[in-house]
Amino acid sequence: MVIDVDDTLCLTEAACFELENDVLARLGREPMSRAAHLSTWGLPLLEAMPRRSPGVDLAAFADVYREVLAEYVADGRLDAVAPENLRALDELAAAGRGVMLLTSRTEAEVAHLLAPDHALTGRLDGVYHAGNVRFGKPDSRAFDELLAATGLQPSQCVYVGDSPGDAQAANGAGLGFIACMQSGIRRRTEFDGHRVDAFIDAFPEVVKVLADVEVRTRAGRDRWCSGLEAGGGADQPA
């Protein structure tokens, strides 16, 4: 199982909105609107900021952001993984599932999640971010390094994310996809046009739905292969 970070493993949009406005204030800039933040949520931070705060000096923003990020993490205002989510990770591991993170965050933005004393330590088989992958979501090649390092086939993996861009990347790479709706930011209709194997209202539900997704995905692949053998025109696995 491959898991996104923001608003999937952790609920972060609201906290990031406050954090980024804190950075803008320290730079002497006007705050962004919540609508501007929501409309660009899911983009890499430095790609989104010119739209959230037109004219912002990205280098200066990045410097101050690192300082404010450390403050928020130290105060427990960002990236606190809920105990029930940690239990879900433990249940996945107990069931023999490999668990990895794949996020659009930079290396600096995930460094605290990799600290030896973090709750995620020992619970993950790999962490992939903008610092160790060549392509970012929604590009399907975002999974290239993960697949190459693990030797897994896309059909053996399911991605859990919260955005249509996550679905697009997973679909394009041939992974299954589970949409986590816990943040309340997205509507199911936003995923129209993307293959979604399951919707969950809270992250821990992934433990129960994964087996069903595997069964349905396997059946879809079998139908697809049978269609090819029979000379049918199936476009892609279900």
C-alpha atoms as a PDB file:
ATOM      1  CA  MET A   1       0.000   0.000   0.000  1.00  0.00           C
ATOM      2  CA  VAL A   2       1.234   3.454  -0.962  1.00  0.00           C
ATOM      3  CA  ILE A   3      -0.129   6.401   1.009  1.00  0.00           C
ATOM      4  CA  ASP A   4      -0.222  10.153   0.442  1.00  0.00           C
ATOM      5  CA  VAL A   5       0.573  12.396   3.419  1.00  0.00           C
ATOM      6  CA  ASP A   6      -1.514  15.574   3.261  1.00  0.00           C
ATOM      7  CA  ASP A   7      -5.192  15.107   4.151  1.00  0.00           C
ATOM      8  CA  THR A   8      -4.753  11.342   3.910  1.00  0.00           C
ATOM      9  CA  LEU A   9      -2.411  10.152   6.643  1.00  0.00           C
ATOM     10  CA  CYS A  10      -2.568  13.575   8.337  1.00  0.00           C
ATOM     11  CA  LEU A  11      -5.196  16.313   8.121  1.00  0.00           C
ATOM     12  CA  THR A  12      -3.065  19.262   7.100  1.00  0.00           C
ATOM     13  CA  GLU A  13      -4.769  21.767   4.789  1.00  0.00           C
ATOM     14  CA  ALA A  14      -6.095  24.043   7.533  1.00  0.00           C
ATOM     15  CA  ALA A  15      -2.793  23.964   9.425  1.00  0.00           C
ATOM     16  CA  CYS A  16      -0.811  24.656   6.256  1.00  0.00           C
ATOM     17  CA  PHE A  17      -3.084  27.596   5.456  1.00  0.00           C
ATOM     18  CA  GLU A  18      -2.237  29.133   8.830  1.00  0.00           C
ATOM     19  CA  LEU A  19       1.458  28.284   8.524  1.00  0.00           C
ATOM     20  CA  GLU A  20       1.836  29.811   5.064  1.00  0.00           C
ATOM     21  CA  ASN A  21      -0.013  32.968   6.090  1.00  0.00           C
ATOM     22  CA  ASP A  22       2.311  33.191   9.080  1.00  0.00           C
ATOM     23  CA  VAL A  23       5.240  33.086   6.659  1.00  0.00           C
ATOM     24  CA  LEU A  24       3.661  35.771   4.468  1.00  0.00           C
ATOM     25  CA  ALA A  25       3.100  37.974   7.515  1.00  0.00           C
ATOM     26  CA  ARG A  26       6.765  37.691   8.501  1.00  0.00           C
ATOM     27  CA  LEU A  27       7.654  38.747   4.955  1.00  0.00           C
ATOM     28  CA  GLY A  28       5.377  41.773   5.297  1.00  0.00           C
ATOM     29  CA  ARG A  29       2.856  40.500   2.781  1.00  0.00           C
ATOM     30  CA  GLU A  30      -0.924  40.381   2.877  1.00  0.00           C
ATOM     31  CA  PRO A  31      -2.510  37.047   3.834  1.00  0.00           C
ATOM     32  CA  MET A  32      -3.875  34.783   1.136  1.00  0.00           C
ATOM     33  CA  SER A  33      -7.550  33.865   1.109  1.00  0.00           C
ATOM     34  CA  ARG A  34      -8.717  30.394   2.086  1.00  0.00           C
ATOM     35  CA  ALA A  35     -10.275  30.081  -1.376  1.00  0.00           C
ATOM     36  CA  ALA A  36      -6.881  30.684  -2.996  1.00  0.00           C
ATOM     37  CA  HIS A  37      -5.315  28.032  -0.778  1.00  0.00           C
ATOM     38  CA  LEU A  38      -8.011  25.464  -1.456  1.00  0.00           C
ATOM     39  CA  SER A  39      -7.954  26.036  -5.206  1.00  0.00           C
ATOM     40  CA  THR A  40      -4.252  25.154  -5.352  1.00  0.00           C
ATOM     41  CA  TRP A  41      -4.172  22.520  -2.616  1.00  0.00           C
ATOM     42  CA  GLY A  42      -2.283  19.455  -3.782  1.00  0.00           C
ATOM     43  CA  LEU A  43       0.269  21.362  -5.873  1.00  0.00           C
ATOM     44  CA  PRO A  44       3.920  21.458  -4.769  1.00  0.00           C
ATOM     45  CA  LEU A  45       4.270  24.379  -2.371  1.00  0.00           C
ATOM     46  CA  LEU A  46       6.584  26.604  -4.413  1.00  0.00           C
ATOM     47  CA  GLU A  47       4.496  25.959  -7.514  1.00  0.00           C
ATOM     48  CA  ALA A  48       1.323  26.985  -5.691  1.00  0.00           C
ATOM     49  CA  MET A  49       2.617  30.077  -3.876  1.00  0.00           C
ATOM     50  CA  PRO A  50       2.746  32.447  -6.886  1.00  0.00           C
ATOM     51  CA  ARG A  51      -0.973  31.792  -7.296  1.00  0.00           C
ATOM     52  CA  ARG A  52      -1.693  32.054  -3.595  1.00  0.00           C
ATOM     53  CA  SER A  53       0.344  35.247  -3.170  1.00  0.00           C
ATOM     54  CA  PRO A  54       1.152  36.802  -6.581  1.00  0.00           C
ATOM     55  CA  GLY A  55       4.548  38.485  -6.655  1.00  0.00           C
ATOM     56  CA  VAL A  56       5.935  36.622  -3.642  1.00  0.00           C
ATOM     57  CA  ASP A  57       9.722  36.169  -3.528  1.00  0.00           C
ATOM     58  CA  LEU A  58       9.944  32.376  -3.591  1.00  0.00           C
ATOM     59  CA  ALA A  59      13.505  32.191  -2.286  1.00  0.00           C
ATOM     60  CA  ALA A  60      12.661  34.413   0.688  1.00  0.00           C
ATOM     61  CA  PHE A  61       9.439  32.493   1.269  1.00  0.00           C
ATOM     62  CA  ALA A  62      11.314  29.185   1.291  1.00  0.00           C
ATOM     63  CA  ASP A  63      13.864  30.460   3.817  1.00  0.00           C
ATOM     64  CA  VAL A  64      11.234  31.708   6.284  1.00  0.00           C
ATOM     65  CA  TYR A  65       9.008  28.686   5.639  1.00  0.00           C
ATOM     66  CA  ARG A  66      11.683  26.324   6.957  1.00  0.00           C
ATOM     67  CA  GLU A  67      11.827  28.253  10.208  1.00  0.00           C
ATOM     68  CA  VAL A  68       8.066  28.429  10.669  1.00  0.00           C
ATOM     69  CA  LEU A  69       7.630  24.771   9.698  1.00  0.00           C
ATOM     70  CA  ALA A  70      10.010  23.737  12.471  1.00  0.00           C
ATOM     71  CA  GLU A  71       8.034  25.846  14.955  1.00  0.00           C
ATOM     72  CA  TYR A  72       4.701  24.315  13.935  1.00  0.00           C
ATOM     73  CA  VAL A  73       6.045  20.767  14.075  1.00  0.00           C
ATOM     74  CA  ALA A  74       7.626  21.362  17.492  1.00  0.00           C
ATOM     75  CA  ASP A  75       4.347  22.788  18.797  1.00  0.00           C
ATOM     76  CA  GLY A  76       2.344  19.831  17.444  1.00  0.00           C
ATOM     77  CA  ARG A  77       0.352  22.082  15.121  1.00  0.00           C
ATOM     78  CA  LEU A  78       1.296  20.189  11.953  1.00  0.00           C
ATOM     79  CA  ASP A  79       1.615  16.568  10.879  1.00  0.00           C
ATOM     80  CA  ALA A  80       0.312  14.971  14.043  1.00  0.00           C
ATOM     81  CA  VAL A  81      -0.645  11.435  12.991  1.00  0.00           C
ATOM     82  CA  ALA A  82      -3.805  10.393  14.823  1.00  0.00           C
ATOM     83  CA  PRO A  83      -3.478   7.307  17.071  1.00  0.00           C
ATOM     84  CA  GLU A  84      -6.172   5.499  15.080  1.00  0.00           C
ATOM     85  CA  ASN A  85      -4.158   6.043  11.904  1.00  0.00           C
ATOM     86  CA  LEU A  86      -1.057   4.593  13.552  1.00  0.00           C
ATOM     87  CA  ARG A  87      -3.111   1.577  14.632  1.00  0.00           C
ATOM     88  CA  ALA A  88      -4.294   1.164  11.037  1.00  0.00           C
ATOM     89  CA  LEU A  89      -0.671   1.139   9.845  1.00  0.00           C
ATOM     90  CA  ASP A  90       0.114  -1.509  12.446  1.00  0.00           C
ATOM     91  CA  GLU A  91      -2.836  -3.633  11.293  1.00  0.00           C
ATOM     92  CA  LEU A  92      -1.662  -3.385   7.699  1.00  0.00           C
ATOM     93  CA  ALA A  93       1.831  -4.490   8.722  1.00  0.00           C
ATOM     94  CA  ALA A  94       0.425  -7.364  10.801  1.00  0.00           C
ATOM     95  CA  ALA A  95      -1.475  -8.512   7.721  1.00  0.00           C
ATOM     96  CA  GLY A  96       1.762  -8.630   5.772  1.00  0.00           C
ATOM     97  CA  ARG A  97       1.216  -5.425   3.815  1.00  0.00           C
ATOM     98  CA  GLY A  98       4.148  -3.300   2.789  1.00  0.00           C
ATOM     99  CA  VAL A  99       3.419   0.363   3.549  1.00  0.00           C
ATOM    100  CA  MET A 100       5.125   3.282   1.795  1.00  0.00           C
ATOM    101  CA  LEU A 101       4.551   7.024   1.541  1.00  0.00           C
ATOM    102  CA  LEU A 102       4.550   8.946  -1.722  1.00  0.00           C
ATOM    103  CA  THR A 103       4.085  12.699  -1.495  1.00  0.00           C
ATOM    104  CA  SER A 104       4.724  15.848  -3.523  1.00  0.00           C
ATOM    105  CA  ARG A 105       6.469  17.403  -0.510  1.00  0.00           C
ATOM    106  CA  THR A 106      10.125  18.315  -0.693  1.00  0.00           C
ATOM    107  CA  GLU A 107      12.791  16.561   1.342  1.00  0.00           C
ATOM    108  CA  ALA A 108      12.822  19.431   3.853  1.00  0.00           C
ATOM    109  CA  GLU A 109       9.048  19.151   4.256  1.00  0.00           C
ATOM    110  CA  VAL A 110       9.225  15.454   5.177  1.00  0.00           C
ATOM    111  CA  ALA A 111      12.466  15.470   7.182  1.00  0.00           C
ATOM    112  CA  HIS A 112      10.662  15.586  10.538  1.00  0.00           C
ATOM    113  CA  LEU A 113       8.542  12.579   9.537  1.00  0.00           C
ATOM    114  CA  LEU A 114      11.761  10.587   9.123  1.00  0.00           C
ATOM    115  CA  ALA A 115      13.271  11.544  12.467  1.00  0.00           C
ATOM    116  CA  PRO A 116      14.290   8.580  14.657  1.00  0.00           C
ATOM    117  CA  ASP A 117      11.832   9.577  17.391  1.00  0.00           C
ATOM    118  CA  HIS A 118       8.820  10.097  15.097  1.00  0.00           C
ATOM    119  CA  ALA A 119       5.796   7.836  15.493  1.00  0.00           C
ATOM    120  CA  LEU A 120       6.119   6.698  11.874  1.00  0.00           C
ATOM    121  CA  THR A 121       9.631   5.318  12.403  1.00  0.00           C
ATOM    122  CA  GLY A 122       9.568   1.556  11.959  1.00  0.00           C
ATOM    123  CA  ARG A 123       6.104   1.649  10.424  1.00  0.00           C
ATOM    124  CA  LEU A 124       7.117   2.466   6.838  1.00  0.00           C
ATOM    125  CA  ASP A 125       8.969   0.482   4.197  1.00  0.00           C
ATOM    126  CA  GLY A 126       9.876   3.559   2.187  1.00  0.00           C
ATOM    127  CA  VAL A 127       9.242   7.279   1.770  1.00  0.00           C
ATOM    128  CA  TYR A 128       9.205   8.880  -1.685  1.00  0.00           C
ATOM    129  CA  HIS A 129       9.121  12.654  -2.084  1.00  0.00           C
ATOM    130  CA  ALA A 130      10.219  15.447  -4.413  1.00  0.00           C
ATOM    131  CA  GLY A 131      13.807  14.918  -3.314  1.00  0.00           C
ATOM    132  CA  ASN A 132      14.117  11.308  -4.444  1.00  0.00           C
ATOM    133  CA  VAL A 133      11.707  10.988  -7.380  1.00  0.00           C
ATOM    134  CA  ARG A 134      12.122  12.611 -10.783  1.00  0.00           C
ATOM    135  CA  PHE A 135       8.454  13.300 -11.459  1.00  0.00           C
ATOM    136  CA  GLY A 136       5.665  14.626  -9.274  1.00  0.00           C
ATOM    137  CA  LYS A 137       1.963  13.895  -9.242  1.00  0.00           C
ATOM    138  CA  PRO A 138      -0.247  13.952 -11.247  1.00  0.00           C
ATOM    139  CA  ASP A 139       2.423  12.536 -13.568  1.00  0.00           C
ATOM    140  CA  SER A 140       2.100   8.753 -13.441  1.00  0.00           C
ATOM    141  CA  ARG A 141       5.901   8.498 -13.494  1.00  0.00           C
ATOM    142  CA  ALA A 142       5.871   9.662  -9.875  1.00  0.00           C
ATOM    143  CA  PHE A 143       5.776   5.954  -8.965  1.00  0.00           C
ATOM    144  CA  ASP A 144       8.760   4.938 -11.125  1.00  0.00           C
ATOM    145  CA  GLU A 145      11.386   4.971  -8.364  1.00  0.00           C
ATOM    146  CA  LEU A 146       9.115   3.184  -5.899  1.00  0.00           C
ATOM    147  CA  LEU A 147       8.306   0.406  -8.359  1.00  0.00           C
ATOM    148  CA  ALA A 148      11.937   0.056  -9.424  1.00  0.00           C
ATOM    149  CA  ALA A 149      13.224  -0.096  -5.830  1.00  0.00           C
ATOM    150  CA  THR A 150      10.658  -2.643  -4.643  1.00  0.00           C
ATOM    151  CA  GLY A 151      10.394  -4.765  -7.784  1.00  0.00           C
ATOM    152  CA  LEU A 152       6.615  -4.619  -7.455  1.00  0.00           C
ATOM    153  CA  GLN A 153       4.264  -4.509 -10.410  1.00  0.00           C
ATOM    154  CA  PRO A 154       1.724  -1.661 -10.498  1.00  0.00           C
ATOM    155  CA  SER A 155      -1.077  -4.221 -10.214  1.00  0.00           C
ATOM    156  CA  GLN A 156       0.329  -5.239  -6.826  1.00  0.00           C
ATOM    157  CA  CYS A 157      -0.013  -1.733  -5.409  1.00  0.00           C
ATOM    158  CA  VAL A 158      -2.840   0.502  -4.245  1.00  0.00           C
ATOM    159  CA  TYR A 159      -2.437   4.237  -3.720  1.00  0.00           C
ATOM    160  CA  VAL A 160      -4.459   6.038  -1.047  1.00  0.00           C
ATOM    161  CA  GLY A 161      -4.849   9.774  -1.659  1.00  0.00           C
ATOM    162  CA  ASP A 162      -7.271  12.643  -1.343  1.00  0.00           C
ATOM    163  CA  SER A 163      -7.206  14.453  -4.681  1.00  0.00           C
ATOM    164  CA  PRO A 164      -8.118  13.938  -8.336  1.00  0.00           C
ATOM    165  CA  GLY A 165      -4.405  14.457  -9.100  1.00  0.00           C
ATOM    166  CA  ASP A 166      -3.621  11.477  -6.895  1.00  0.00           C
ATOM    167  CA  ALA A 167      -6.196   9.425  -8.795  1.00  0.00           C
ATOM    168  CA  GLN A 168      -4.780  10.559 -12.136  1.00  0.00           C
ATOM    169  CA  ALA A 169      -1.253   9.529 -11.176  1.00  0.00           C
ATOM    170  CA  ALA A 170      -2.338   6.141  -9.842  1.00  0.00           C
ATOM    171  CA  ASN A 171      -4.595   5.420 -12.818  1.00  0.00           C
ATOM    172  CA  GLY A 172      -1.876   6.330 -15.293  1.00  0.00           C
ATOM    173  CA  ALA A 173       0.663   4.116 -13.555  1.00  0.00           C
ATOM    174  CA  GLY A 174      -1.715   1.158 -13.316  1.00  0.00           C
ATOM    175  CA  LEU A 175      -2.094   1.178  -9.529  1.00  0.00           C
ATOM    176  CA  GLY A 176      -5.374   0.736  -7.718  1.00  0.00           C
ATOM    177  CA  PHE A 177      -6.701   3.890  -6.090  1.00  0.00           C
ATOM    178  CA  ILE A 178      -8.606   4.567  -2.858  1.00  0.00           C
ATOM    179  CA  ALA A 179      -9.915   8.097  -2.256  1.00  0.00           C
ATOM    180  CA  CYS A 180      -9.784   9.325   1.352  1.00  0.00           C
ATOM    181  CA  MET A 181     -12.503  11.939   1.907  1.00  0.00           C
ATOM    182  CA  GLN A 182     -11.823  12.648   5.592  1.00  0.00           C
ATOM    183  CA  SER A 183     -10.737  16.268   5.139  1.00  0.00           C
ATOM    184  CA  GLY A 184     -14.139  17.276   3.783  1.00  0.00           C
ATOM    185  CA  ILE A 185     -12.405  19.410   1.144  1.00  0.00           C
ATOM    186  CA  ARG A 186     -13.231  17.202  -1.836  1.00  0.00           C
ATOM    187  CA  ARG A 187     -16.516  16.001  -3.278  1.00  0.00           C
ATOM    188  CA  ARG A 188     -16.905  12.611  -4.906  1.00  0.00           C
ATOM    189  CA  THR A 189     -17.986  14.245  -8.156  1.00  0.00           C
ATOM    190  CA  GLU A 190     -14.485  15.765  -8.431  1.00  0.00           C
ATOM    191  CA  PHE A 191     -13.212  12.255  -9.140  1.00  0.00           C
ATOM    192  CA  ASP A 192     -15.530  11.746 -12.103  1.00  0.00           C
ATOM    193  CA  GLY A 193     -13.465  10.597 -15.047  1.00  0.00           C
ATOM    194  CA  HIS A 194     -10.955   8.805 -12.814  1.00  0.00           C
ATOM    195  CA  ARG A 195     -11.041   5.189 -11.701  1.00  0.00           C
ATOM    196  CA  VAL A 196     -11.637   5.023  -7.952  1.00  0.00           C
ATOM    197  CA  ASP A 197     -11.660   1.519  -6.505  1.00  0.00           C
ATOM    198  CA  ALA A 198     -13.137   2.677  -3.192  1.00  0.00           C
ATOM    199  CA  PHE A 199     -14.023   5.809  -1.232  1.00  0.00           C
ATOM    200  CA  ILE A 200     -13.330   5.949   2.490  1.00  0.00           C
ATOM    201  CA  ASP A 201     -14.571   8.580   4.947  1.00  0.00           C
ATOM    202  CA  ALA A 202     -11.698   8.091   7.407  1.00  0.00           C
ATOM    203  CA  PHE A 203      -8.212   6.678   6.920  1.00  0.00           C
ATOM    204  CA  PRO A 204      -8.571   3.633   9.240  1.00  0.00           C
ATOM    205  CA  GLU A 205     -11.317   2.278   6.948  1.00  0.00           C
ATOM    206  CA  VAL A 206      -8.571   1.400   4.473  1.00  0.00           C
ATOM    207  CA  VAL A 207      -7.801  -1.764   6.437  1.00  0.00           C
ATOM    208  CA  LYS A 208     -11.259  -3.190   5.736  1.00  0.00           C
ATOM    209  CA  VAL A 209     -11.715  -2.023   2.155  1.00  0.00           C
ATOM    210  CA  LEU A 210      -8.307  -3.112   0.865  1.00  0.00           C
ATOM    211  CA  ALA A 211      -9.174  -6.802   0.634  1.00  0.00           C
ATOM    212  CA  ASP A 212     -12.341  -6.016  -1.318  1.00  0.00           C
ATOM    213  CA  VAL A 213     -10.422  -3.733  -3.667  1.00  0.00           C
ATOM    214  CA  GLU A 214      -7.897  -6.501  -4.293  1.00  0.00           C
ATOM    215  CA  VAL A 215     -10.624  -9.009  -5.143  1.00  0.00           C
ATOM    216  CA  ARG A 216     -12.394  -6.647  -7.525  1.00  0.00           C
ATOM    217  CA  THR A 217      -9.153  -5.489  -9.158  1.00  0.00           C
ATOM    218  CA  ARG A 218      -7.984  -9.077  -9.650  1.00  0.00           C
ATOM    219  CA  ALA A 219     -11.326 -10.025 -11.193  1.00  0.00           C
ATOM    220  CA  GLY A 220     -11.120  -7.025 -13.516  1.00  0.00           C
ATOM    221  CA  ARG A 221      -7.616  -8.004 -14.653  1.00  0.00           C
ATOM    222  CA  ASP A 222      -8.773 -11.577 -15.289  1.00  0.00           C
ATOM    223  CA  ARG A 223     -11.657 -10.333 -17.445  1.00  0.00           C
ATOM    224  CA  TRP A 224      -9.287  -8.048 -19.322  1.00  0.00           C
ATOM    225  CA  CYS A 225      -6.774 -10.849 -19.982  1.00  0.00           C
ATOM    226  CA  SER A 226      -9.565 -13.188 -21.073  1.00  0.00           C
ATOM    227  CA  GLY A 227     -10.760 -10.531 -23.485  1.00  0.00           C
ATOM    228  CA  LEU A 228      -7.293 -10.223 -25.007  1.00  0.00           C
ATOM    229  CA  GLU A 229      -6.951 -13.982 -25.379  1.00  0.00           C
ATOM    230  CA  ALA A 230     -10.314 -14.080 -27.118  1.00  0.00           C
ATOM    231  CA  GLY A 231      -9.336 -11.227 -29.411  1.00  0.00           C
ATOM    232  CA  GLY A 232     -11.600  -8.778 -27.614  1.00  0.00           C
ATOM    233  CA  GLY A 233     -11.080  -5.033 -27.524  1.00  0.00           C
ATOM    234  CA  ALA A 234     -10.749  -4.406 -23.831  1.00  0.00           C
ATOM    235  CA  ASP A 235      -8.969  -1.093 -23.282  1.00  0.00           C
ATOM    236  CA  GLN A 236      -7.506  -1.567 -19.822  1.00  0.00           C
ATOM    237  CA  PRO A 237      -7.906  -3.586 -16.635  1.00  0.00           C
ATOM    238  CA  ALA A 238     -10.828  -2.573 -14.437  1.00  0.00           C
END
